[in-house]
Amino acid sequence: MVVQIGYAISGHGFGHATRAIAVMQAIGRKIDAHFTILTSVPAWLFASSLTTPHTVHAMTTDVGLVQHSAMIEDLNTTLTALEHLYPLDNGLIEQAEMLLNQCALVLCDIAPLGIAAAKRAGIPSILVENFTWDWIYQGYLERCPELQPQIDYLRALFKEADFHVQATPICSPCPCDLQVEPVARGLQAPERIRQRVFCQPEQRLVVLTMGGVQTAQQQALDFSALLKRFNAVFVLTGLSREDEFTNNLRFLAQDGPWYFPDLVAAADLVVGKSGYSTVAEAYQGQTAYGYVKRPQFRESAVLEAFLDRSLISCEIAESALADGTWLDQLDRLPATKEILLRPENGADQIAEFVLQLSQGKPECRIYR
């Protein structure tokens, strides 16, 4: 029998969606499931890496942060969007409820609409998070005290979830039903990547990314500095509509036939902002990480601390990223990359929790 499962996913960037994809894939390996997905994330992202049967419904499930770029937030526009969406309109909740009413349960990757709709439908909900939006907004209160009513509203709504899962690295540890390891999409064929990008055995493979979108930081890169480094092949994401290979530069199309977890696992070094999904996938691949700090975004310090204690990592200043002086870091990497044992994937732990719930006997680590 096919189990119908709902998944409400934050539309803030792609990280929440890829984390949800990892969980859905893991669940699909344990039970015969069909997922009803509510999100504003483009459907192509799910089509590209989610093989478990699913239907995507375009819907605004939260606000997150409105951003000028991957590194700079627009608080005034964010506040306006929050005041427009919250409190959630009854019509919107009813629309989501109608789409989810055949589901046995609803998972929510920090999308409050999913929790509200599940509660209205009498369906159990599971909050999956390494942070919640009320916690993020607290970091901006000094600059924007008008956020306080939104913080209070969202904090109360998140507490309405029937079950609570926190994924490492956890920003605000609290009593919950389950704490899991970093959640990453599983690997497919990372051993084929170096050949596909024409990276020779003696060359380093470096992935430069800012989270799936073109950014001012990427546009400001000094490509001439990269071209001088014949001992490395540089894979750049989010800068081209189609694949383009030039000398030792590999520009990859955003929606092309490239599975990002495999790219990260095959790489010797990932360079970019510290986003949850990329950090979790680097941890899975045991890949060194050069991170560009996002001092205004509260999650970043937690992710960077995790990188510093879990992987070979270093901070890269924005100016160093732009002018190429960060390339000196390449010479400090170990001569060879060795993976003795891949870490446990939190997606599999969440899938087992869902399996136990579906059987009416959750066997999990209780922290309440």
Protein backbone atom coordinates (compact mmCIF):
# COMPACT_ATOMS: atom_id res chain seq x y z
CA MET A 1 0.00 0.00 0.00
CA VAL A 2 1.28 3.45 -0.92
CA VAL A 3 1.63 5.80 2.03
CA GLN A 4 0.71 9.40 1.23
CA ILE A 5 3.04 11.85 2.98
CA GLY A 6 2.97 15.63 2.86
CA TYR A 7 6.06 17.84 2.87
CA ALA A 8 5.89 21.62 3.35
CA ILE A 9 9.25 23.18 2.49
CA SER A 10 10.66 26.65 2.99
CA GLY A 11 11.24 28.52 -0.25
CA HIS A 12 14.26 30.36 1.18
CA GLY A 13 17.08 29.29 -1.16
CA PHE A 14 17.52 25.66 -2.16
CA GLY A 15 19.03 24.29 1.06
CA HIS A 16 15.75 23.39 2.76
CA ALA A 17 14.50 21.68 -0.39
CA THR A 18 17.64 19.59 -0.85
CA ARG A 19 17.51 18.58 2.81
CA ALA A 20 13.88 17.54 2.33
CA ILE A 21 14.82 15.63 -0.83
CA ALA A 22 17.40 13.70 1.19
CA VAL A 23 14.73 12.75 3.74
CA MET A 24 12.18 11.80 1.08
CA GLN A 25 14.70 9.62 -0.74
CA ALA A 26 15.58 7.86 2.52
CA ILE A 27 11.90 7.30 3.39
CA GLY A 28 11.27 5.98 -0.11
CA ARG A 29 13.89 3.29 0.43
CA LYS A 30 11.97 2.03 3.48
CA ILE A 31 8.32 2.31 2.49
CA ASP A 32 6.25 2.69 -0.65
CA ALA A 33 5.44 6.40 -0.43
CA HIS A 34 4.08 9.25 -2.53
CA PHE A 35 4.91 12.79 -1.43
CA THR A 36 2.69 15.84 -1.80
CA ILE A 37 5.09 18.78 -1.73
CA LEU A 38 4.07 22.37 -0.96
CA THR A 39 6.77 24.94 -1.70
CA SER A 40 7.80 27.92 -3.82
CA VAL A 41 11.06 26.16 -4.79
CA PRO A 42 11.14 25.42 -8.56
CA ALA A 43 9.83 21.96 -9.46
CA TRP A 44 12.91 21.19 -11.57
CA LEU A 45 15.02 20.89 -8.42
CA PHE A 46 12.90 17.96 -7.24
CA ALA A 47 12.76 16.41 -10.70
CA SER A 48 16.56 16.50 -10.91
CA SER A 49 17.30 14.47 -7.78
CA LEU A 50 14.11 13.07 -6.21
CA THR A 51 13.24 9.67 -7.66
CA THR A 52 10.59 8.83 -5.05
CA PRO A 53 7.08 9.47 -6.50
CA HIS A 54 5.97 13.02 -5.75
CA THR A 55 3.75 15.91 -6.81
CA VAL A 56 4.90 19.51 -6.39
CA HIS A 57 2.33 22.25 -5.70
CA ALA A 58 3.62 25.81 -6.07
CA MET A 59 2.71 27.64 -2.88
CA THR A 60 4.20 30.25 -0.56
CA THR A 61 4.82 28.36 2.67
CA ASP A 62 6.93 30.97 4.48
CA VAL A 63 8.93 34.16 3.96
CA GLY A 64 12.42 33.46 5.23
CA LEU A 65 14.62 36.41 4.38
CA VAL A 66 14.40 38.67 1.35
CA GLN A 67 17.97 39.18 0.18
CA HIS A 68 19.85 41.59 -2.07
CA SER A 69 22.40 38.82 -2.64
CA ALA A 70 23.56 35.56 -1.09
CA MET A 71 25.35 37.61 1.56
CA ILE A 72 23.13 40.67 2.20
CA GLU A 73 19.59 40.67 3.66
CA ASP A 74 16.88 43.26 3.05
CA LEU A 75 15.17 43.61 6.45
CA ASN A 76 12.62 46.24 5.45
CA THR A 77 11.31 44.17 2.54
CA THR A 78 11.41 41.05 4.71
CA LEU A 79 9.27 42.75 7.36
CA THR A 80 6.75 43.86 4.74
CA ALA A 81 6.51 40.32 3.38
CA LEU A 82 6.09 38.89 6.89
CA GLU A 83 3.28 41.32 7.70
CA HIS A 84 1.60 40.38 4.44
CA LEU A 85 1.73 36.60 5.09
CA TYR A 86 1.21 36.41 8.88
CA PRO A 87 -1.04 35.68 10.61
CA LEU A 88 -1.72 32.98 8.02
CA ASP A 89 -4.91 33.57 6.07
CA ASN A 90 -7.65 30.99 6.63
CA GLY A 91 -8.08 30.63 2.88
CA LEU A 92 -4.40 29.76 2.45
CA ILE A 93 -4.51 27.22 5.28
CA GLU A 94 -7.63 25.64 3.79
CA GLN A 95 -5.97 25.45 0.37
CA ALA A 96 -2.98 23.64 1.88
CA GLU A 97 -5.28 21.42 3.96
CA MET A 98 -7.14 20.29 0.83
CA LEU A 99 -3.87 19.27 -0.82
CA LEU A 100 -2.70 17.39 2.28
CA ASN A 101 -5.93 15.84 3.54
CA GLN A 102 -5.13 12.36 2.16
CA CYS A 103 -1.72 12.27 3.83
CA ALA A 104 -0.87 10.06 6.80
CA LEU A 105 1.51 12.71 8.14
CA VAL A 106 3.12 15.99 7.12
CA LEU A 107 6.80 16.86 7.44
CA CYS A 108 7.73 20.54 7.58
CA ASP A 109 11.18 21.92 6.86
CA ILE A 110 10.62 25.17 8.79
CA ALA A 111 7.52 25.98 6.69
CA PRO A 112 4.86 27.16 9.19
CA LEU A 113 2.01 26.72 6.70
CA GLY A 114 2.49 22.95 6.76
CA ILE A 115 2.11 22.81 10.53
CA ALA A 116 -1.04 24.96 10.48
CA ALA A 117 -2.62 22.95 7.64
CA ALA A 118 -1.80 19.60 9.26
CA LYS A 119 -3.31 20.76 12.54
CA ARG A 120 -6.47 21.91 10.76
CA ALA A 121 -6.73 18.52 9.01
CA GLY A 122 -6.01 16.51 12.17
CA ILE A 123 -2.85 15.03 10.62
CA PRO A 124 0.36 14.51 12.66
CA SER A 125 3.13 16.96 11.74
CA ILE A 126 6.90 16.64 12.09
CA LEU A 127 9.04 19.77 12.27
CA VAL A 128 12.53 19.17 10.79
CA GLU A 129 15.03 21.94 11.46
CA ASN A 130 18.49 23.06 12.41
CA PHE A 131 16.98 26.50 13.08
CA THR A 132 13.51 28.05 13.04
CA TRP A 133 12.63 31.46 11.65
CA ASP A 134 11.82 32.99 15.03
CA TRP A 135 15.40 32.16 16.11
CA ILE A 136 16.84 33.73 12.95
CA TYR A 137 14.77 36.90 13.30
CA GLN A 138 15.90 37.32 16.90
CA GLY A 139 19.35 38.09 15.54
CA TYR A 140 17.97 41.16 13.77
CA LEU A 141 15.91 42.59 16.63
CA GLU A 142 18.38 45.34 17.47
CA ARG A 143 18.26 46.59 13.88
CA CYS A 144 14.56 45.89 13.38
CA PRO A 145 12.55 45.70 16.64
CA GLU A 146 9.34 45.55 14.57
CA LEU A 147 10.13 41.86 14.06
CA GLN A 148 9.09 40.98 17.64
CA PRO A 149 5.40 40.25 16.87
CA GLN A 150 6.46 37.97 14.01
CA ILE A 151 8.90 36.18 16.29
CA ASP A 152 6.19 35.57 18.91
CA TYR A 153 3.68 34.36 16.32
CA LEU A 154 6.10 31.96 14.62
CA ARG A 155 7.52 30.60 17.87
CA ALA A 156 4.01 29.64 18.98
CA LEU A 157 3.21 28.11 15.58
CA PHE A 158 6.37 25.99 15.48
CA LYS A 159 5.46 24.60 18.90
CA GLU A 160 2.21 23.28 17.40
CA ALA A 161 4.13 20.54 15.56
CA ASP A 162 3.36 17.08 16.97
CA PHE A 163 6.96 15.87 16.63
CA HIS A 164 10.22 17.77 16.53
CA VAL A 165 13.45 16.67 14.83
CA GLN A 166 16.68 18.68 15.05
CA ALA A 167 19.43 18.15 12.48
CA THR A 168 23.11 18.71 13.27
CA PRO A 169 24.61 21.33 13.23
CA ILE A 170 21.83 22.55 15.52
CA CYS A 171 21.56 26.29 16.08
CA SER A 172 19.38 26.24 19.18
CA PRO A 173 19.38 22.82 20.90
CA CYS A 174 16.18 22.20 22.83
CA PRO A 175 14.09 19.31 24.13
CA CYS A 176 12.90 17.38 21.06
CA ASP A 177 11.90 13.92 19.90
CA LEU A 178 15.00 13.18 17.84
CA GLN A 179 18.40 14.65 17.15
CA VAL A 180 20.15 13.43 13.99
CA GLU A 181 23.45 13.73 12.18
CA PRO A 182 23.80 16.17 9.25
CA VAL A 183 21.18 15.51 6.57
CA ALA A 184 22.53 15.20 3.03
CA ARG A 185 21.32 13.77 -0.25
CA GLY A 186 22.88 10.35 -0.75
CA LEU A 187 25.69 9.81 -3.21
CA GLN A 188 25.18 8.29 -6.67
CA ALA A 189 28.47 8.00 -8.57
CA PRO A 190 31.06 10.45 -7.21
CA GLU A 191 33.86 8.27 -8.58
CA ARG A 192 32.86 9.31 -12.12
CA ILE A 193 33.00 13.07 -11.55
CA ARG A 194 36.70 13.69 -12.06
CA GLN A 195 36.61 11.97 -15.43
CA ARG A 196 33.47 13.86 -16.48
CA VAL A 197 35.06 17.25 -15.75
CA PHE A 198 38.42 16.20 -17.23
CA CYS A 199 40.33 16.54 -13.99
CA GLN A 200 43.67 14.73 -14.11
CA PRO A 201 44.89 12.63 -11.15
CA GLU A 202 47.60 15.18 -10.35
CA GLN A 203 45.15 18.12 -10.33
CA ARG A 204 43.05 19.40 -7.44
CA LEU A 205 39.29 19.54 -7.98
CA VAL A 206 37.74 22.70 -6.49
CA VAL A 207 34.01 23.49 -6.41
CA LEU A 208 33.06 27.16 -6.06
CA THR A 209 29.44 27.76 -5.08
CA MET A 210 27.23 30.31 -3.40
CA GLY A 211 24.18 28.10 -2.97
CA GLY A 212 22.74 27.62 -6.44
CA VAL A 213 22.23 31.27 -7.43
CA GLN A 214 24.41 33.74 -9.29
CA THR A 215 25.91 36.24 -6.88
CA ALA A 216 27.96 39.40 -6.92
CA GLN A 217 30.77 37.44 -5.26
CA GLN A 218 30.88 34.96 -8.14
CA GLN A 219 30.65 37.69 -10.74
CA ALA A 220 33.62 39.45 -9.13
CA LEU A 221 35.88 36.39 -9.26
CA ASP A 222 39.25 36.94 -10.89
CA PHE A 223 39.14 34.20 -13.50
CA SER A 224 42.64 35.07 -14.68
CA ALA A 225 43.98 33.99 -11.27
CA LEU A 226 42.16 30.66 -11.60
CA LEU A 227 43.46 30.12 -15.12
CA LYS A 228 47.04 30.43 -13.88
CA ARG A 229 46.52 27.50 -11.51
CA PHE A 230 47.10 24.62 -13.91
CA ASN A 231 47.38 22.25 -10.94
CA ALA A 232 43.64 22.61 -10.28
CA VAL A 233 40.32 22.29 -12.10
CA PHE A 234 37.67 24.76 -10.92
CA VAL A 235 33.99 23.88 -11.09
CA LEU A 236 31.75 26.97 -10.92
CA THR A 237 28.02 26.68 -10.35
CA GLY A 238 25.29 29.25 -10.97
CA LEU A 239 27.19 31.29 -13.57
CA SER A 240 26.03 29.76 -16.84
CA ARG A 241 22.80 28.59 -18.47
CA GLU A 242 24.64 25.72 -20.12
CA ASP A 243 27.81 23.76 -19.47
CA GLU A 244 30.97 25.50 -20.68
CA PHE A 245 34.47 24.05 -20.29
CA THR A 246 37.35 26.47 -20.87
CA ASN A 247 40.95 25.53 -20.05
CA ASN A 248 40.79 24.51 -16.37
CA LEU A 249 37.41 26.20 -15.69
CA ARG A 250 34.16 24.23 -15.72
CA PHE A 251 30.99 26.37 -15.75
CA LEU A 252 28.04 24.09 -14.96
CA ALA A 253 24.42 24.83 -15.84
CA GLN A 254 22.19 25.13 -12.80
CA ASP A 255 19.64 22.65 -14.12
CA GLY A 256 22.09 20.47 -16.04
CA PRO A 257 22.88 16.76 -15.56
CA TRP A 258 25.11 17.33 -12.54
CA TYR A 259 24.32 15.85 -9.15
CA PHE A 260 25.74 18.33 -6.67
CA PRO A 261 26.41 15.89 -3.76
CA ASP A 262 28.62 13.85 -6.10
CA LEU A 263 30.51 16.99 -7.17
CA VAL A 264 31.13 17.90 -3.53
CA ALA A 265 32.18 14.37 -2.57
CA ALA A 266 34.61 14.14 -5.50
CA ALA A 267 36.16 17.55 -4.81
CA ASP A 268 39.29 18.24 -2.82
CA LEU A 269 37.93 21.61 -1.72
CA VAL A 270 34.58 23.43 -1.64
CA VAL A 271 34.67 27.24 -1.57
CA GLY A 272 31.63 29.38 -0.87
CA LYS A 273 29.16 30.56 1.72
CA SER A 274 28.36 28.25 4.63
CA GLY A 275 24.88 27.00 3.73
CA TYR A 276 23.43 24.00 5.56
CA SER A 277 22.99 21.74 2.56
CA THR A 278 26.48 22.27 1.16
CA VAL A 279 28.02 21.89 4.62
CA ALA A 280 26.15 18.61 5.18
CA GLU A 281 27.20 17.31 1.77
CA ALA A 282 30.83 18.29 2.37
CA TYR A 283 30.67 16.46 5.70
CA GLN A 284 29.28 13.40 3.93
CA GLY A 285 32.10 13.53 1.37
CA GLN A 286 34.72 14.52 3.98
CA THR A 287 35.69 17.40 1.69
CA ALA A 288 37.73 20.39 2.84
CA TYR A 289 35.81 23.67 2.99
CA GLY A 290 36.83 27.29 2.49
CA TYR A 291 33.97 29.43 3.75
CA VAL A 292 33.10 33.07 3.21
CA LYS A 293 31.60 34.43 6.42
CA ARG A 294 28.05 35.81 6.54
CA PRO A 295 28.31 37.79 9.80
CA GLN A 296 24.75 39.13 9.61
CA PHE A 297 23.14 35.70 9.27
CA ARG A 298 22.80 34.03 12.65
CA GLU A 299 23.12 30.44 11.41
CA SER A 300 26.51 31.02 9.82
CA ALA A 301 28.55 31.04 13.03
CA VAL A 302 27.09 27.65 13.97
CA LEU A 303 27.87 26.14 10.57
CA GLU A 304 31.38 27.58 10.52
CA ALA A 305 32.13 26.22 14.01
CA PHE A 306 30.93 22.80 12.84
CA LEU A 307 33.21 22.97 9.80
CA ASP A 308 36.18 23.96 11.94
CA ARG A 309 35.78 20.98 14.27
CA SER A 310 34.64 18.39 11.71
CA LEU A 311 36.59 19.01 8.49
CA ILE A 312 39.72 20.64 7.16
CA SER A 313 38.42 24.19 6.84
CA CYS A 314 39.45 27.84 6.68
CA GLU A 315 37.88 31.26 6.40
CA ILE A 316 38.23 33.08 3.08
CA ALA A 317 37.72 36.82 3.05
CA GLU A 318 35.46 38.23 0.31
CA SER A 319 38.35 40.35 -0.95
CA ALA A 320 40.61 37.27 -1.14
CA LEU A 321 37.92 35.39 -3.04
CA ALA A 322 37.65 38.23 -5.54
CA ASP A 323 41.36 38.80 -6.18
CA GLY A 324 42.48 35.18 -6.09
CA THR A 325 44.79 35.34 -3.09
CA TRP A 326 42.70 32.56 -1.49
CA LEU A 327 44.32 30.17 -3.95
CA ASP A 328 47.31 29.88 -1.64
CA GLN A 329 45.06 27.67 0.52
CA LEU A 330 45.26 24.96 -2.16
CA ASP A 331 48.90 24.31 -1.38
CA ARG A 332 48.04 23.59 2.26
CA LEU A 333 45.67 20.72 1.53
CA PRO A 334 46.88 17.15 2.12
CA ALA A 335 48.45 15.52 -0.94
CA THR A 336 45.70 12.91 -1.10
CA LYS A 337 42.10 12.77 0.08
CA GLU A 338 41.32 9.66 2.11
CA ILE A 339 37.90 8.58 3.34
CA LEU A 340 38.08 5.68 5.75
CA LEU A 341 34.41 5.68 6.78
CA ARG A 342 31.58 7.93 5.60
CA PRO A 343 29.58 9.41 8.50
CA GLU A 344 26.01 8.40 9.23
CA ASN A 345 23.41 10.35 7.27
CA GLY A 346 20.72 12.06 9.31
CA ALA A 347 18.24 11.47 6.48
CA ASP A 348 18.34 7.73 7.21
CA GLN A 349 17.74 8.40 10.90
CA ILE A 350 14.69 10.55 10.12
CA ALA A 351 13.39 7.89 7.71
CA GLU A 352 13.59 5.26 10.44
CA PHE A 353 11.71 7.60 12.79
CA VAL A 354 8.98 8.07 10.17
CA LEU A 355 8.81 4.30 9.63
CA GLN A 356 8.31 3.74 13.35
CA LEU A 357 5.62 6.43 13.43
CA SER A 358 3.81 4.83 10.50
CA GLN A 359 3.78 1.59 12.46
CA GLY A 360 2.52 3.34 15.58
CA LYS A 361 5.63 2.70 17.66
CA PRO A 362 8.23 5.47 17.43
CA GLU A 363 11.57 4.25 18.73
CA CYS A 364 13.65 7.37 19.03
CA ARG A 365 15.93 9.27 21.33
CA ILE A 366 13.57 11.32 23.48
CA TYR A 367 14.90 14.64 24.80
CA ARG A 368 11.70 16.08 26.26
